[in-house]
Amino acid sequence: MKFQALFFLLILTCMYLSLAQGSFGNCCLGHVGAIKQKAKKNIESYRVQETDGDCNISAVVFLIKKHKREWTVCANPNESWVQELMETLDRRMKN
């Protein structure tokens, strides 16, 4: 009986710890300072990350594709180069 209670408490503790960690699966945890010019040419799209839900910082997430590889880069939406790059991508998408 004691073993069953101890096992049950151990399972509950593991479940609590896994839920307490939160999920940062699709959130930026920091910003880059700049993106190289070559990488800017390979940006396919972007999305804006807000500070609601699980994400702690606001960011612009750029999707970069090259040679069948895909990765994301997080940038500070308040920086001027980020805003200019967003405008450039918006113009590129319209054409």
Protein backbone atom coordinates (compact mmCIF):
# COMPACT_ATOMS: atom_id res chain seq x y z
CA MET A 1 0.00 0.00 0.00
CA LYS A 2 2.81 2.44 0.84
CA PHE A 3 4.55 1.62 -2.44
CA GLN A 4 1.40 2.41 -4.44
CA ALA A 5 0.94 5.77 -2.69
CA LEU A 6 4.61 6.65 -3.22
CA PHE A 7 4.41 5.65 -6.90
CA PHE A 8 1.24 7.72 -7.33
CA LEU A 9 2.90 10.79 -5.76
CA LEU A 10 5.93 10.31 -7.98
CA ILE A 11 3.75 10.25 -11.11
CA LEU A 12 1.86 13.38 -9.99
CA THR A 13 5.13 15.20 -9.30
CA CYS A 14 6.48 14.37 -12.78
CA MET A 15 3.27 15.57 -14.41
CA TYR A 16 3.32 18.81 -12.42
CA LEU A 17 6.93 19.55 -13.35
CA SER A 18 6.30 18.95 -17.05
CA LEU A 19 3.30 21.31 -17.01
CA ALA A 20 5.14 23.97 -14.99
CA GLN A 21 7.88 24.28 -17.60
CA GLY A 22 5.49 25.79 -20.14
CA SER A 23 5.77 25.32 -23.86
CA PHE A 24 8.13 27.50 -25.85
CA GLY A 25 7.85 25.29 -28.91
CA ASN A 26 7.19 28.07 -31.37
CA CYS A 27 8.39 31.15 -29.45
CA CYS A 28 11.45 33.34 -29.83
CA LEU A 29 13.49 33.58 -26.67
CA GLY A 30 15.87 36.28 -27.95
CA HIS A 31 16.70 38.63 -30.82
CA VAL A 32 19.53 38.76 -33.36
CA GLY A 33 21.43 41.99 -33.86
CA ALA A 34 21.48 41.81 -37.66
CA ILE A 35 20.96 39.51 -40.64
CA LYS A 36 23.59 39.16 -43.36
CA GLN A 37 22.72 40.61 -46.75
CA LYS A 38 22.91 37.19 -48.44
CA ALA A 39 20.43 35.74 -45.94
CA LYS A 40 18.04 38.67 -46.47
CA LYS A 41 17.68 37.67 -50.12
CA ASN A 42 16.48 34.21 -49.06
CA ILE A 43 13.75 35.35 -46.68
CA GLU A 44 10.44 33.83 -47.77
CA SER A 45 8.08 35.42 -45.25
CA TYR A 46 7.73 36.73 -41.73
CA ARG A 47 5.27 36.66 -38.85
CA VAL A 48 4.88 38.86 -35.81
CA GLN A 49 5.12 37.24 -32.39
CA GLU A 50 3.14 38.98 -29.67
CA THR A 51 3.75 38.76 -25.93
CA ASP A 52 0.59 36.84 -25.19
CA GLY A 53 0.18 33.22 -24.20
CA ASP A 54 3.45 31.33 -23.79
CA CYS A 55 5.71 33.81 -25.61
CA ASN A 56 7.53 36.25 -23.35
CA ILE A 57 8.93 38.74 -25.88
CA SER A 58 7.61 40.47 -28.97
CA ALA A 59 9.54 39.62 -32.10
CA VAL A 60 9.44 39.45 -35.88
CA VAL A 61 10.16 35.90 -37.01
CA PHE A 62 11.71 35.72 -40.47
CA LEU A 63 11.48 32.43 -42.40
CA ILE A 64 14.61 31.80 -44.45
CA LYS A 65 14.79 29.07 -47.10
CA LYS A 66 17.84 28.01 -49.07
CA HIS A 67 18.74 24.73 -50.77
CA LYS A 68 15.75 22.86 -49.31
CA ARG A 69 16.76 23.97 -45.81
CA GLU A 70 14.52 26.14 -43.69
CA TRP A 71 15.20 28.09 -40.52
CA THR A 72 13.83 31.03 -38.59
CA VAL A 73 15.49 34.17 -37.27
CA CYS A 74 13.97 36.33 -34.52
CA ALA A 75 14.47 40.09 -34.60
CA ASN A 76 13.41 43.05 -32.48
CA PRO A 77 10.35 44.69 -34.09
CA ASN A 78 11.35 48.11 -32.72
CA GLU A 79 14.61 48.28 -34.71
CA SER A 80 14.57 50.28 -37.94
CA TRP A 81 16.30 47.62 -40.08
CA VAL A 82 13.61 45.11 -39.08
CA GLN A 83 10.81 47.50 -40.05
CA GLU A 84 12.52 48.27 -43.38
CA LEU A 85 12.94 44.56 -44.10
CA MET A 86 9.27 43.94 -43.32
CA GLU A 87 8.27 46.71 -45.75
CA THR A 88 10.56 45.25 -48.43
CA LEU A 89 9.01 41.81 -47.97
CA ASP A 90 5.50 43.27 -48.11
CA ARG A 91 6.32 44.97 -51.43
CA ARG A 92 7.88 41.75 -52.74
CA MET A 93 4.74 39.76 -51.81
CA LYS A 94 2.46 42.22 -53.62
CA ASN A 95 4.35 41.78 -56.91
